[in-house]
Amino acid sequence: MRDLEILNERLREDERQALARDLHDVVAHELTLITMQTMSRRRSEDVGELHQVLETVEGAARSALHELRVLLRLLRDENDGDHPRDVTGAGLAIGSLDQVVTSLAASLRDLRFDPQVELTGDLEATPTTVRGTAARILQEAVTNIIKYAPRGSRCLISVATDDHELKLRVTNPLPRSSPHAAGRSSELSSGLGLRGITERVSLLGGHAESGPEGGQWVLDVCLPVDGREAL
């Protein structure tokens, strides 16, 4: 009985961590997009541009609401005992990985970044859990670009897969050091993003590295797709 209690508590902790990751991913990305859209155009007198901002904000709000509804539905299903929750936290509605990358790149362009996209291999042939995890990691990486990278800078989103692994690489210039930039970064950062990425990757037996490299912030992630741990 004691062993069962310990196991049950461990499963509950996994559930809590998965829920925290999902809530962070759903809320942080869309609210960051809304915040940066409104901040960047707050002094604009171009009516057409302001209408575009309102459309983007509306789309981001609808997307967040949709994903929260999906998350609540999953939790209710779990309580009914019919559909156990995927503790990787990757089970939300993400569409195809190609579509996710296209959507994230469009969000960056709307905020006047210059995203370069590289897709290699049959992304939709990878396991569903791997695709879901990759989508959430890319979403977090793009959120960080929006928060910290200099406006108008070029960034890279690279996704490549083969029979053994799926590799993600996201790069962007390091933020310019200034009191204003530092204040904005502190205001927008929760410190949960990179930790969430590490947790997601670890659950699938992959590995992730991030940090400054040659004036760029680089995120490299490798996820196994054949059941073996990534090398």
Protein backbone atom coordinates (compact mmCIF):
# COMPACT_ATOMS: atom_id res chain seq x y z
CA MET A 1 0.00 0.00 0.00
CA ARG A 2 2.84 2.39 0.81
CA ASP A 3 4.46 1.73 -2.60
CA LEU A 4 1.12 2.42 -4.31
CA GLU A 5 0.75 5.68 -2.39
CA ILE A 6 4.24 6.78 -3.45
CA LEU A 7 3.50 5.87 -7.08
CA ASN A 8 0.19 7.73 -6.97
CA GLU A 9 1.84 10.85 -5.56
CA ARG A 10 4.55 10.69 -8.25
CA LEU A 11 1.88 10.46 -10.97
CA ARG A 12 0.02 13.39 -9.44
CA GLU A 13 3.22 15.44 -9.44
CA ASP A 14 3.78 14.57 -13.12
CA GLU A 15 0.23 15.74 -13.81
CA ARG A 16 0.80 19.02 -11.98
CA GLN A 17 4.02 19.66 -13.86
CA ALA A 18 2.37 18.86 -17.20
CA LEU A 19 -0.53 21.18 -16.41
CA ALA A 20 1.86 23.98 -15.43
CA ARG A 21 3.78 23.58 -18.70
CA ASP A 22 0.59 23.61 -20.77
CA LEU A 23 -0.82 26.68 -19.04
CA HIS A 24 2.48 28.50 -19.46
CA ASP A 25 2.68 27.62 -23.16
CA VAL A 26 -0.92 28.55 -23.91
CA VAL A 27 -0.98 31.81 -21.98
CA ALA A 28 2.59 33.10 -22.27
CA HIS A 29 2.91 32.94 -26.06
CA GLU A 30 -0.42 34.54 -26.93
CA LEU A 31 -0.21 37.24 -24.23
CA THR A 32 3.35 38.07 -25.28
CA LEU A 33 2.15 38.42 -28.87
CA ILE A 34 -0.71 40.69 -27.77
CA THR A 35 1.56 42.78 -25.53
CA MET A 36 4.25 43.29 -28.16
CA GLN A 37 1.75 44.10 -30.91
CA THR A 38 0.13 46.81 -28.81
CA MET A 39 3.43 48.17 -27.48
CA SER A 40 5.01 48.43 -30.94
CA ARG A 41 2.05 50.27 -32.51
CA ARG A 42 0.81 52.34 -29.55
CA ARG A 43 1.83 55.66 -31.16
CA SER A 44 0.79 54.78 -34.69
CA GLU A 45 -1.75 57.05 -36.40
CA ASP A 46 -2.12 54.76 -39.41
CA VAL A 47 -5.71 53.52 -39.28
CA GLY A 48 -4.97 50.53 -41.53
CA GLU A 49 -2.05 49.47 -39.34
CA LEU A 50 -4.14 49.78 -36.20
CA HIS A 51 -6.88 47.62 -37.73
CA GLN A 52 -4.23 45.00 -38.52
CA VAL A 53 -3.06 45.09 -34.89
CA LEU A 54 -6.63 44.57 -33.69
CA GLU A 55 -7.02 41.57 -36.01
CA THR A 56 -3.77 40.06 -34.72
CA VAL A 57 -4.77 40.64 -31.10
CA GLU A 58 -8.20 39.12 -31.74
CA GLY A 59 -6.60 36.07 -33.39
CA ALA A 60 -4.17 35.58 -30.50
CA ALA A 61 -6.95 35.88 -27.93
CA ARG A 62 -9.14 33.39 -29.82
CA SER A 63 -6.22 30.97 -30.11
CA ALA A 64 -5.51 31.14 -26.37
CA LEU A 65 -9.19 30.64 -25.58
CA HIS A 66 -9.42 27.65 -27.91
CA GLU A 67 -6.38 25.95 -26.41
CA LEU A 68 -7.58 26.58 -22.87
CA ARG A 69 -10.89 24.96 -23.78
CA VAL A 70 -9.05 21.94 -25.18
CA LEU A 71 -6.98 21.72 -22.00
CA LEU A 72 -10.08 21.88 -19.80
CA ARG A 73 -11.75 19.21 -21.93
CA LEU A 74 -8.74 16.94 -21.47
CA LEU A 75 -8.85 17.46 -17.71
CA ARG A 76 -12.59 16.73 -17.56
CA ASP A 77 -12.09 13.58 -19.65
CA GLU A 78 -9.38 12.48 -17.24
CA ASN A 79 -11.71 13.00 -14.28
CA ASP A 80 -14.26 10.79 -16.02
CA GLY A 81 -11.61 8.07 -16.13
CA ASP A 82 -12.06 7.36 -19.84
CA HIS A 83 -9.11 9.22 -21.37
CA PRO A 84 -5.93 9.32 -19.29
CA ARG A 85 -3.93 12.49 -19.77
CA ASP A 86 -0.63 12.47 -21.66
CA VAL A 87 1.86 13.60 -19.00
CA THR A 88 4.23 14.93 -21.65
CA GLY A 89 1.89 17.88 -21.83
CA ALA A 90 1.95 17.73 -25.62
CA GLY A 91 -1.62 16.75 -26.26
CA LEU A 92 -3.17 20.10 -27.13
CA ALA A 93 -4.46 21.10 -30.56
CA ILE A 94 -1.39 22.04 -32.60
CA GLY A 95 -2.24 21.13 -36.20
CA SER A 96 0.61 19.89 -38.39
CA LEU A 97 4.18 20.83 -37.50
CA ASP A 98 4.55 22.55 -40.90
CA GLN A 99 1.52 24.69 -40.07
CA VAL A 100 2.87 25.50 -36.63
CA VAL A 101 6.17 26.75 -38.08
CA THR A 102 4.36 28.74 -40.78
CA SER A 103 2.09 30.37 -38.18
CA LEU A 104 4.98 31.23 -35.86
CA ALA A 105 6.98 32.73 -38.73
CA ALA A 106 3.95 34.84 -39.72
CA SER A 107 3.67 36.14 -36.15
CA LEU A 108 7.32 37.19 -36.26
CA ARG A 109 6.85 38.97 -39.59
CA ASP A 110 3.83 40.84 -38.18
CA LEU A 111 6.15 42.17 -35.48
CA ARG A 112 8.74 43.19 -38.11
CA PHE A 113 11.22 40.40 -37.56
CA ASP A 114 12.85 38.59 -40.48
CA PRO A 115 12.32 34.85 -39.89
CA GLN A 116 14.20 32.32 -42.03
CA VAL A 117 12.57 28.88 -42.07
CA GLU A 118 14.28 25.59 -42.92
CA LEU A 119 12.24 22.37 -42.95
CA THR A 120 13.89 19.06 -43.81
CA GLY A 121 12.38 15.57 -43.93
CA ASP A 122 8.83 14.27 -43.50
CA LEU A 123 7.81 16.06 -40.31
CA GLU A 124 4.32 14.56 -40.23
CA ALA A 125 5.74 11.03 -40.20
CA THR A 126 7.18 11.55 -36.72
CA PRO A 127 5.21 10.27 -33.69
CA THR A 128 2.39 12.49 -32.45
CA THR A 129 3.98 13.06 -29.05
CA VAL A 130 7.26 14.14 -30.67
CA ARG A 131 5.44 16.55 -32.99
CA GLY A 132 3.46 18.00 -30.10
CA THR A 133 6.56 18.47 -27.98
CA ALA A 134 8.42 20.06 -30.90
CA ALA A 135 5.53 22.45 -31.51
CA ARG A 136 5.50 23.60 -27.89
CA ILE A 137 9.27 24.08 -27.86
CA LEU A 138 9.14 26.15 -31.05
CA GLN A 139 6.30 28.21 -29.62
CA GLU A 140 8.36 28.98 -26.51
CA ALA A 141 11.45 29.78 -28.59
CA VAL A 142 9.49 32.26 -30.74
CA THR A 143 7.99 33.81 -27.61
CA ASN A 144 11.53 34.44 -26.39
CA ILE A 145 12.49 36.00 -29.74
CA ILE A 146 9.54 38.39 -29.46
CA LYS A 147 10.50 39.29 -25.89
CA TYR A 148 14.23 39.74 -26.22
CA ALA A 149 15.56 39.96 -29.80
CA PRO A 150 16.14 43.38 -31.39
CA ARG A 151 13.15 44.40 -33.51
CA GLY A 152 13.71 43.83 -37.22
CA SER A 153 16.47 41.27 -36.65
CA ARG A 154 16.86 38.09 -38.66
CA CYS A 155 16.14 34.81 -36.87
CA LEU A 156 16.24 31.17 -37.88
CA ILE A 157 13.75 28.37 -37.29
CA SER A 158 15.13 25.04 -38.46
CA VAL A 159 13.36 21.68 -38.15
CA ALA A 160 14.90 18.50 -39.57
CA THR A 161 13.98 14.86 -39.12
CA ASP A 162 15.08 11.42 -40.26
CA ASP A 163 14.35 7.85 -39.18
CA HIS A 164 16.04 8.31 -35.80
CA GLU A 165 15.63 11.86 -34.51
CA LEU A 166 14.03 15.24 -34.92
CA LYS A 167 16.29 18.26 -34.53
CA LEU A 168 15.24 21.82 -33.78
CA ARG A 169 17.47 24.86 -34.02
CA VAL A 170 16.30 28.39 -33.30
CA THR A 171 18.67 31.36 -33.37
CA ASN A 172 18.29 35.11 -32.96
CA PRO A 173 20.61 38.04 -32.22
CA LEU A 174 21.28 38.77 -28.57
CA PRO A 175 19.38 41.76 -27.19
CA ARG A 176 21.04 45.14 -27.27
CA SER A 177 22.14 46.04 -23.75
CA SER A 178 20.31 49.13 -22.56
CA PRO A 179 18.39 50.04 -19.39
CA HIS A 180 15.14 50.13 -21.38
CA ALA A 181 15.71 46.69 -22.91
CA ALA A 182 16.74 45.27 -19.56
CA GLY A 183 13.59 46.64 -17.94
CA ARG A 184 11.37 45.18 -20.64
CA SER A 185 13.05 41.78 -20.41
CA SER A 186 12.63 41.70 -16.65
CA GLU A 187 8.98 42.69 -16.96
CA LEU A 188 8.11 40.03 -19.55
CA SER A 189 10.19 37.13 -18.28
CA SER A 190 8.80 34.48 -15.94
CA GLY A 191 11.88 32.24 -16.01
CA LEU A 192 9.70 29.21 -16.75
CA GLY A 193 10.22 28.89 -20.50
CA LEU A 194 13.65 27.26 -20.69
CA ARG A 195 12.87 25.05 -17.71
CA GLY A 196 9.71 23.88 -19.44
CA ILE A 197 11.67 23.07 -22.60
CA THR A 198 14.19 21.04 -20.60
CA GLU A 199 11.41 19.11 -18.87
CA ARG A 200 9.60 18.31 -22.12
CA VAL A 201 12.78 17.14 -23.83
CA SER A 202 13.83 15.02 -20.85
CA LEU A 203 10.47 13.22 -20.81
CA LEU A 204 11.14 11.97 -24.35
CA GLY A 205 14.76 10.98 -23.71
CA GLY A 206 16.19 13.81 -25.79
CA HIS A 207 18.54 16.64 -24.97
CA ALA A 208 18.50 20.43 -25.25
CA GLU A 209 21.19 23.10 -25.17
CA SER A 210 20.77 26.86 -25.16
CA GLY A 211 22.98 29.88 -24.71
CA PRO A 212 24.91 32.68 -26.43
CA GLU A 213 27.07 31.77 -29.40
CA GLY A 214 28.82 34.28 -31.65
CA GLY A 215 26.47 37.15 -30.89
CA GLN A 216 23.41 34.90 -31.25
CA TRP A 217 21.14 33.17 -28.78
CA VAL A 218 21.00 29.54 -29.91
CA LEU A 219 18.57 26.80 -28.92
CA ASP A 220 19.40 23.26 -30.08
CA VAL A 221 17.03 20.39 -29.34
CA CYS A 222 17.22 16.74 -30.36
CA LEU A 223 14.25 14.40 -29.87
CA PRO A 224 14.37 10.65 -30.62
CA VAL A 225 11.65 9.39 -32.94
CA ASP A 226 12.46 5.67 -32.87
CA GLY A 227 12.18 5.02 -29.13
CA ARG A 228 15.92 5.33 -28.47
CA GLU A 229 17.49 8.12 -26.47
CA ALA A 230 19.00 10.90 -28.54
CA LEU A 231 22.78 10.88 -28.75
